[in-house]
Amino acid sequence: MAFCNKFGSLVRQSIYQNGQVPVGPMLNSIRCMPSTNLFIRGFASGVPFIDACLFRLKQKKESLSNKKLWTRRSTILPEYINNYVRIYNGKTFVRVKITEGKVGHKFGEFAFTRKGRVKTALVKGRGKTKK
């Protein structure tokens, strides 16, 4: 826990007044952490959660098109518009196109994890029969 608090203080110090994060200090502090502790959320107000794999893709300027994502909790950024991604819903990957209306939401909001209940109407003649 102390390590995460130290990391949080390093991130707070490296964030500029306009909310932009310099890449150098951020990547240096991330490099020393195990992948399970890579959380970049809540250290400054207004900073959306971005998982480490998406953060690296964004820094390398790689396209997100047809990438498989297991991070349902990551926020959709404006850089991802007009790309198709495959989001894991626990069983299969759901193909989703990212549009302007989805920016700011989480990836998991668009890949449902539960089946909808099928409401079947009674077919005429198949209802209860009288004896």
N, C-alpha and C. Protein backbone atom coordinates (compact mmCIF):
# COMPACT_ATOMS: atom_id res chain seq x y z
N MET A 1 0.82 -1.19 0.00
CA MET A 1 0.00 0.00 0.00
C MET A 1 0.86 1.25 0.00
N ALA A 2 1.97 1.20 0.74
CA ALA A 2 2.86 2.36 0.79
C ALA A 2 3.47 2.62 -0.57
N PHE A 3 3.73 1.53 -1.30
CA PHE A 3 4.31 1.69 -2.63
C PHE A 3 3.34 2.41 -3.57
N CYS A 4 2.04 2.05 -3.48
CA CYS A 4 1.04 2.71 -4.31
C CYS A 4 0.88 4.17 -3.93
N ASN A 5 0.97 4.47 -2.62
CA ASN A 5 0.90 5.87 -2.20
C ASN A 5 2.08 6.66 -2.72
N LYS A 6 3.26 6.06 -2.71
CA LYS A 6 4.45 6.72 -3.25
C LYS A 6 4.29 6.96 -4.74
N PHE A 7 3.75 5.96 -5.44
CA PHE A 7 3.52 6.10 -6.88
C PHE A 7 2.52 7.23 -7.14
N GLY A 8 1.47 7.29 -6.32
CA GLY A 8 0.48 8.36 -6.47
C GLY A 8 1.08 9.73 -6.29
N SER A 9 1.98 9.87 -5.31
CA SER A 9 2.61 11.17 -5.11
C SER A 9 3.53 11.53 -6.27
N LEU A 10 4.20 10.53 -6.85
CA LEU A 10 5.04 10.80 -8.03
C LEU A 10 4.20 11.26 -9.21
N VAL A 11 3.04 10.63 -9.38
CA VAL A 11 2.17 11.02 -10.49
C VAL A 11 1.63 12.42 -10.28
N ARG A 12 1.21 12.72 -9.05
CA ARG A 12 0.69 14.07 -8.77
C ARG A 12 1.72 15.14 -9.06
N GLN A 13 2.98 14.85 -8.74
CA GLN A 13 4.03 15.83 -8.98
C GLN A 13 4.30 16.02 -10.46
N SER A 14 4.07 14.98 -11.27
CA SER A 14 4.42 15.07 -12.68
C SER A 14 3.29 15.62 -13.55
N ILE A 15 2.10 15.82 -12.99
CA ILE A 15 0.98 16.33 -13.78
C ILE A 15 1.05 17.85 -13.81
N TYR A 16 0.97 18.39 -15.01
CA TYR A 16 1.01 19.83 -15.18
C TYR A 16 -0.33 20.46 -14.80
N GLN A 17 -0.37 21.78 -14.76
CA GLN A 17 -1.58 22.49 -14.39
C GLN A 17 -2.72 22.26 -15.39
N ASN A 18 -2.41 22.10 -16.67
CA ASN A 18 -3.46 21.94 -17.68
C ASN A 18 -3.94 20.49 -17.78
N GLY A 19 -3.44 19.60 -16.96
CA GLY A 19 -3.93 18.23 -16.92
C GLY A 19 -3.19 17.26 -17.80
N GLN A 20 -2.16 17.71 -18.53
CA GLN A 20 -1.41 16.80 -19.38
C GLN A 20 -0.31 16.13 -18.57
N VAL A 21 -0.10 14.87 -18.85
CA VAL A 21 0.90 14.09 -18.13
C VAL A 21 2.13 13.95 -19.01
N PRO A 22 3.31 14.36 -18.53
CA PRO A 22 4.52 14.15 -19.32
C PRO A 22 4.84 12.67 -19.40
N VAL A 23 5.29 12.23 -20.56
CA VAL A 23 5.47 10.80 -20.81
C VAL A 23 6.66 10.23 -20.05
N GLY A 24 7.78 10.93 -20.00
CA GLY A 24 9.00 10.41 -19.40
C GLY A 24 8.87 9.96 -17.96
N PRO A 25 8.51 10.84 -17.04
CA PRO A 25 8.39 10.43 -15.64
C PRO A 25 7.32 9.37 -15.41
N MET A 26 6.23 9.44 -16.19
CA MET A 26 5.16 8.46 -16.02
C MET A 26 5.65 7.07 -16.40
N LEU A 27 6.32 6.94 -17.54
CA LEU A 27 6.78 5.62 -17.96
C LEU A 27 7.90 5.10 -17.07
N ASN A 28 8.74 5.98 -16.55
CA ASN A 28 9.79 5.53 -15.63
C ASN A 28 9.20 4.97 -14.35
N SER A 29 8.15 5.59 -13.84
CA SER A 29 7.54 5.09 -12.62
C SER A 29 6.72 3.83 -12.88
N ILE A 30 6.15 3.70 -14.08
CA ILE A 30 5.38 2.51 -14.41
C ILE A 30 6.30 1.31 -14.63
N ARG A 31 7.46 1.54 -15.19
CA ARG A 31 8.38 0.47 -15.54
C ARG A 31 8.78 -0.36 -14.31
N CYS A 32 8.83 0.25 -13.14
CA CYS A 32 9.28 -0.46 -11.95
C CYS A 32 8.16 -1.21 -11.23
N MET A 33 6.93 -1.10 -11.71
CA MET A 33 5.80 -1.73 -11.04
C MET A 33 5.39 -3.02 -11.73
N PRO A 34 4.92 -4.02 -10.97
CA PRO A 34 4.36 -5.21 -11.61
C PRO A 34 3.05 -4.84 -12.31
N SER A 35 2.66 -5.64 -13.29
CA SER A 35 1.51 -5.28 -14.12
C SER A 35 0.20 -5.26 -13.33
N THR A 36 0.11 -5.97 -12.21
CA THR A 36 -1.13 -5.98 -11.45
C THR A 36 -1.34 -4.68 -10.69
N ASN A 37 -0.29 -3.91 -10.49
CA ASN A 37 -0.42 -2.66 -9.74
C ASN A 37 -0.47 -1.44 -10.64
N LEU A 38 -0.65 -1.63 -11.93
CA LEU A 38 -0.65 -0.50 -12.84
C LEU A 38 -2.02 0.16 -12.87
N PHE A 39 -2.26 1.04 -11.95
CA PHE A 39 -3.50 1.79 -11.92
C PHE A 39 -3.16 3.26 -12.06
N ILE A 40 -3.79 3.91 -13.03
CA ILE A 40 -3.49 5.31 -13.30
C ILE A 40 -4.75 6.12 -13.06
N ARG A 41 -5.52 5.79 -12.05
CA ARG A 41 -6.81 6.42 -11.85
C ARG A 41 -6.85 7.15 -10.51
N GLY A 42 -7.50 8.26 -10.50
CA GLY A 42 -7.81 8.93 -9.25
C GLY A 42 -6.67 9.69 -8.63
N PHE A 43 -5.52 9.72 -9.24
CA PHE A 43 -4.42 10.47 -8.66
C PHE A 43 -4.58 11.96 -8.89
N ALA A 44 -5.31 12.34 -9.89
CA ALA A 44 -5.61 13.74 -10.15
C ALA A 44 -7.05 13.81 -10.63
N SER A 45 -7.73 14.88 -10.31
CA SER A 45 -9.13 14.96 -10.71
C SER A 45 -9.24 15.11 -12.22
N GLY A 46 -10.16 14.41 -12.80
CA GLY A 46 -10.38 14.50 -14.23
C GLY A 46 -9.53 13.57 -15.06
N VAL A 47 -8.71 12.74 -14.45
CA VAL A 47 -7.88 11.81 -15.20
C VAL A 47 -8.65 10.50 -15.33
N PRO A 48 -9.00 10.08 -16.55
CA PRO A 48 -9.74 8.83 -16.71
C PRO A 48 -8.84 7.62 -16.50
N PHE A 49 -9.46 6.49 -16.16
CA PHE A 49 -8.69 5.27 -15.97
C PHE A 49 -8.33 4.71 -17.33
N ILE A 50 -7.05 4.41 -17.53
CA ILE A 50 -6.57 3.78 -18.75
C ILE A 50 -5.72 2.60 -18.31
N ASP A 51 -6.03 1.42 -18.78
CA ASP A 51 -5.24 0.25 -18.43
C ASP A 51 -3.85 0.36 -19.05
N ALA A 52 -2.90 -0.36 -18.49
CA ALA A 52 -1.51 -0.23 -18.92
C ALA A 52 -1.30 -0.60 -20.38
N CYS A 53 -1.99 -1.64 -20.85
CA CYS A 53 -1.80 -2.05 -22.25
C CYS A 53 -2.33 -0.99 -23.21
N LEU A 54 -3.46 -0.36 -22.88
CA LEU A 54 -3.98 0.71 -23.73
C LEU A 54 -3.11 1.95 -23.65
N PHE A 55 -2.53 2.19 -22.47
CA PHE A 55 -1.65 3.34 -22.30
C PHE A 55 -0.41 3.19 -23.18
N ARG A 56 0.13 1.98 -23.23
CA ARG A 56 1.31 1.75 -24.08
C ARG A 56 0.96 1.87 -25.56
N LEU A 57 -0.21 1.37 -25.97
CA LEU A 57 -0.63 1.51 -27.36
C LEU A 57 -0.78 2.97 -27.75
N LYS A 58 -1.33 3.75 -26.82
CA LYS A 58 -1.53 5.17 -27.09
C LYS A 58 -0.20 5.89 -27.23
N GLN A 59 0.78 5.55 -26.40
CA GLN A 59 2.08 6.20 -26.47
C GLN A 59 2.85 5.81 -27.72
N LYS A 60 2.66 4.57 -28.20
CA LYS A 60 3.36 4.11 -29.40
C LYS A 60 2.65 4.55 -30.68
N LYS A 61 1.48 5.19 -30.54
CA LYS A 61 0.66 5.64 -31.67
C LYS A 61 0.20 4.48 -32.54
N GLU A 62 0.01 3.32 -31.93
CA GLU A 62 -0.47 2.16 -32.67
C GLU A 62 -1.98 2.25 -32.82
N SER A 63 -2.46 1.67 -33.89
CA SER A 63 -3.89 1.65 -34.15
C SER A 63 -4.56 0.64 -33.22
N LEU A 64 -5.76 0.95 -32.84
CA LEU A 64 -6.51 0.07 -31.94
C LEU A 64 -7.45 -0.84 -32.73
N SER A 65 -7.40 -0.77 -34.06
CA SER A 65 -8.38 -1.49 -34.88
C SER A 65 -8.21 -3.00 -34.74
N ASN A 66 -9.34 -3.66 -34.48
CA ASN A 66 -9.44 -5.11 -34.33
C ASN A 66 -8.52 -5.68 -33.26
N LYS A 67 -8.23 -4.92 -32.22
CA LYS A 67 -7.45 -5.43 -31.09
C LYS A 67 -8.41 -6.11 -30.11
N LYS A 68 -7.94 -7.17 -29.50
CA LYS A 68 -8.72 -7.85 -28.47
C LYS A 68 -8.44 -7.19 -27.13
N LEU A 69 -9.50 -6.79 -26.44
CA LEU A 69 -9.36 -6.11 -25.15
C LEU A 69 -10.03 -6.92 -24.06
N TRP A 70 -9.33 -7.09 -22.97
CA TRP A 70 -9.90 -7.72 -21.78
C TRP A 70 -10.21 -6.66 -20.73
N THR A 71 -9.87 -5.41 -21.00
CA THR A 71 -10.03 -4.34 -20.01
C THR A 71 -11.37 -3.65 -20.21
N ARG A 72 -12.38 -4.15 -19.54
CA ARG A 72 -13.72 -3.57 -19.64
C ARG A 72 -13.82 -2.28 -18.84
N ARG A 73 -12.91 -2.07 -17.90
CA ARG A 73 -13.01 -0.91 -17.02
C ARG A 73 -12.29 0.32 -17.55
N SER A 74 -11.60 0.21 -18.66
CA SER A 74 -10.87 1.35 -19.22
C SER A 74 -11.83 2.31 -19.91
N THR A 75 -11.48 3.58 -19.87
CA THR A 75 -12.30 4.63 -20.47
C THR A 75 -11.97 4.77 -21.95
N ILE A 76 -12.99 5.02 -22.75
CA ILE A 76 -12.79 5.22 -24.19
C ILE A 76 -12.34 6.66 -24.41
N LEU A 77 -11.22 6.83 -25.09
CA LEU A 77 -10.64 8.14 -25.35
C LEU A 77 -10.96 8.60 -26.77
N PRO A 78 -10.88 9.91 -27.04
CA PRO A 78 -11.17 10.42 -28.39
C PRO A 78 -10.21 9.89 -29.46
N GLU A 79 -9.03 9.43 -29.07
CA GLU A 79 -8.07 8.90 -30.05
C GLU A 79 -8.54 7.59 -30.67
N TYR A 80 -9.50 6.92 -30.04
CA TYR A 80 -9.94 5.61 -30.49
C TYR A 80 -11.14 5.67 -31.43
N ILE A 81 -11.61 6.86 -31.81
CA ILE A 81 -12.80 7.00 -32.66
C ILE A 81 -12.55 6.37 -34.02
N ASN A 82 -13.60 5.78 -34.60
CA ASN A 82 -13.61 5.12 -35.91
C ASN A 82 -12.73 3.87 -35.95
N ASN A 83 -12.55 3.22 -34.83
CA ASN A 83 -11.84 1.94 -34.78
C ASN A 83 -12.81 0.87 -34.31
N TYR A 84 -12.57 -0.35 -34.74
CA TYR A 84 -13.31 -1.50 -34.24
C TYR A 84 -12.43 -2.21 -33.22
N VAL A 85 -13.01 -2.56 -32.09
CA VAL A 85 -12.29 -3.32 -31.07
C VAL A 85 -13.12 -4.55 -30.72
N ARG A 86 -12.45 -5.54 -30.16
CA ARG A 86 -13.12 -6.75 -29.70
C ARG A 86 -13.00 -6.79 -28.18
N ILE A 87 -14.14 -6.70 -27.50
CA ILE A 87 -14.18 -6.61 -26.05
C ILE A 87 -14.65 -7.96 -25.50
N TYR A 88 -13.91 -8.48 -24.52
CA TYR A 88 -14.22 -9.78 -23.94
C TYR A 88 -15.36 -9.65 -22.94
N ASN A 89 -16.40 -10.46 -23.10
CA ASN A 89 -17.54 -10.39 -22.20
C ASN A 89 -17.59 -11.55 -21.21
N GLY A 90 -16.51 -12.32 -21.13
CA GLY A 90 -16.46 -13.46 -20.23
C GLY A 90 -16.58 -14.78 -20.96
N LYS A 91 -17.07 -14.74 -22.19
CA LYS A 91 -17.23 -15.96 -22.97
C LYS A 91 -16.64 -15.79 -24.37
N THR A 92 -17.00 -14.73 -25.03
CA THR A 92 -16.52 -14.47 -26.39
C THR A 92 -16.11 -13.01 -26.51
N PHE A 93 -15.56 -12.67 -27.65
CA PHE A 93 -15.20 -11.29 -27.93
C PHE A 93 -16.31 -10.65 -28.77
N VAL A 94 -16.79 -9.49 -28.31
CA VAL A 94 -17.85 -8.77 -29.00
C VAL A 94 -17.22 -7.65 -29.80
N ARG A 95 -17.55 -7.57 -31.09
CA ARG A 95 -16.98 -6.54 -31.95
C ARG A 95 -17.79 -5.26 -31.80
N VAL A 96 -17.11 -4.16 -31.49
CA VAL A 96 -17.76 -2.88 -31.23
C VAL A 96 -17.04 -1.79 -32.02
N LYS A 97 -17.82 -0.92 -32.68
CA LYS A 97 -17.23 0.24 -33.35
C LYS A 97 -17.30 1.41 -32.40
N ILE A 98 -16.19 2.11 -32.25
CA ILE A 98 -16.13 3.25 -31.34
C ILE A 98 -16.52 4.50 -32.11
N THR A 99 -17.55 5.18 -31.62
CA THR A 99 -18.02 6.42 -32.24
C THR A 99 -17.87 7.56 -31.25
N GLU A 100 -18.20 8.77 -31.69
CA GLU A 100 -18.05 9.94 -30.82
C GLU A 100 -18.95 9.86 -29.60
N GLY A 101 -20.10 9.24 -29.73
CA GLY A 101 -21.03 9.13 -28.61
C GLY A 101 -20.54 8.21 -27.50
N LYS A 102 -19.59 7.36 -27.79
CA LYS A 102 -19.08 6.41 -26.80
C LYS A 102 -17.87 6.93 -26.04
N VAL A 103 -17.34 8.08 -26.43
CA VAL A 103 -16.17 8.64 -25.77
C VAL A 103 -16.54 9.04 -24.34
N GLY A 104 -15.70 8.66 -23.39
CA GLY A 104 -15.95 8.96 -21.99
C GLY A 104 -16.61 7.82 -21.24
N HIS A 105 -17.18 6.87 -21.96
CA HIS A 105 -17.78 5.70 -21.33
C HIS A 105 -16.72 4.62 -21.16
N LYS A 106 -17.08 3.55 -20.50
CA LYS A 106 -16.18 2.42 -20.31
C LYS A 106 -16.39 1.40 -21.43
N PHE A 107 -15.35 0.64 -21.77
CA PHE A 107 -15.46 -0.37 -22.81
C PHE A 107 -16.51 -1.42 -22.45
N GLY A 108 -16.60 -1.78 -21.18
CA GLY A 108 -17.51 -2.83 -20.74
C GLY A 108 -18.97 -2.50 -20.89
N GLU A 109 -19.30 -1.22 -21.06
CA GLU A 109 -20.70 -0.84 -21.21
C GLU A 109 -21.28 -1.34 -22.53
N PHE A 110 -20.44 -1.68 -23.48
CA PHE A 110 -20.91 -2.02 -24.81
C PHE A 110 -20.73 -3.50 -25.13
N ALA A 111 -20.30 -4.29 -24.17
CA ALA A 111 -20.20 -5.74 -24.34
C ALA A 111 -20.96 -6.38 -23.18
N PHE A 112 -22.19 -6.77 -23.44
CA PHE A 112 -23.04 -7.31 -22.39
C PHE A 112 -22.55 -8.68 -21.93
N THR A 113 -22.63 -8.91 -20.63
CA THR A 113 -22.15 -10.16 -20.07
C THR A 113 -23.28 -11.15 -19.81
N ARG A 114 -24.51 -10.70 -19.91
CA ARG A 114 -25.65 -11.58 -19.61
C ARG A 114 -26.55 -11.68 -20.83
N LYS A 115 -27.18 -12.82 -20.96
CA LYS A 115 -28.11 -13.01 -22.06
C LYS A 115 -29.43 -12.34 -21.73
N GLY A 116 -30.05 -11.77 -22.74
CA GLY A 116 -31.37 -11.22 -22.54
C GLY A 116 -32.40 -12.33 -22.49
N ARG A 117 -33.41 -12.15 -21.69
CA ARG A 117 -34.46 -13.16 -21.59
C ARG A 117 -35.31 -13.11 -22.85
N VAL A 118 -35.51 -14.22 -23.46
CA VAL A 118 -36.31 -14.29 -24.68
C VAL A 118 -37.77 -14.36 -24.28
N LYS A 119 -38.54 -13.40 -24.75
CA LYS A 119 -39.97 -13.36 -24.45
C LYS A 119 -40.70 -13.94 -25.66
N THR A 120 -41.20 -15.13 -25.51
CA THR A 120 -41.91 -15.76 -26.61
C THR A 120 -43.40 -15.61 -26.41
N ALA A 121 -44.07 -15.21 -27.45
CA ALA A 121 -45.53 -15.11 -27.39
C ALA A 121 -46.12 -16.50 -27.58
N LEU A 122 -47.27 -16.72 -26.98
CA LEU A 122 -47.93 -18.01 -27.16
C LEU A 122 -48.42 -18.10 -28.60
N VAL A 123 -48.02 -19.15 -29.25
CA VAL A 123 -48.45 -19.38 -30.62
C VAL A 123 -49.88 -19.89 -30.59
N LYS A 124 -50.70 -19.42 -31.52
CA LYS A 124 -52.11 -19.80 -31.53
C LYS A 124 -52.24 -21.32 -31.69
N GLY A 125 -52.99 -21.92 -30.81
CA GLY A 125 -53.19 -23.36 -30.86
C GLY A 125 -52.19 -24.13 -30.02
N ARG A 126 -51.20 -23.46 -29.47
CA ARG A 126 -50.20 -24.16 -28.66
C ARG A 126 -50.36 -23.83 -27.18
N GLY A 127 -51.39 -23.12 -26.83
CA GLY A 127 -51.61 -22.76 -25.44
C GLY A 127 -52.07 -23.97 -24.64
N LYS A 128 -52.63 -23.72 -23.48
CA LYS A 128 -53.12 -24.82 -22.65
C LYS A 128 -54.34 -25.45 -23.32
N THR A 129 -54.37 -26.73 -23.30
CA THR A 129 -55.50 -27.45 -23.92
C THR A 129 -56.41 -27.99 -22.83
N LYS A 130 -57.70 -28.03 -23.13
CA LYS A 130 -58.68 -28.58 -22.19
C LYS A 130 -58.87 -30.05 -22.48
N LYS A 131 -59.07 -30.82 -21.42
CA LYS A 131 -59.29 -32.26 -21.59
C LYS A 131 -60.74 -32.58 -21.45
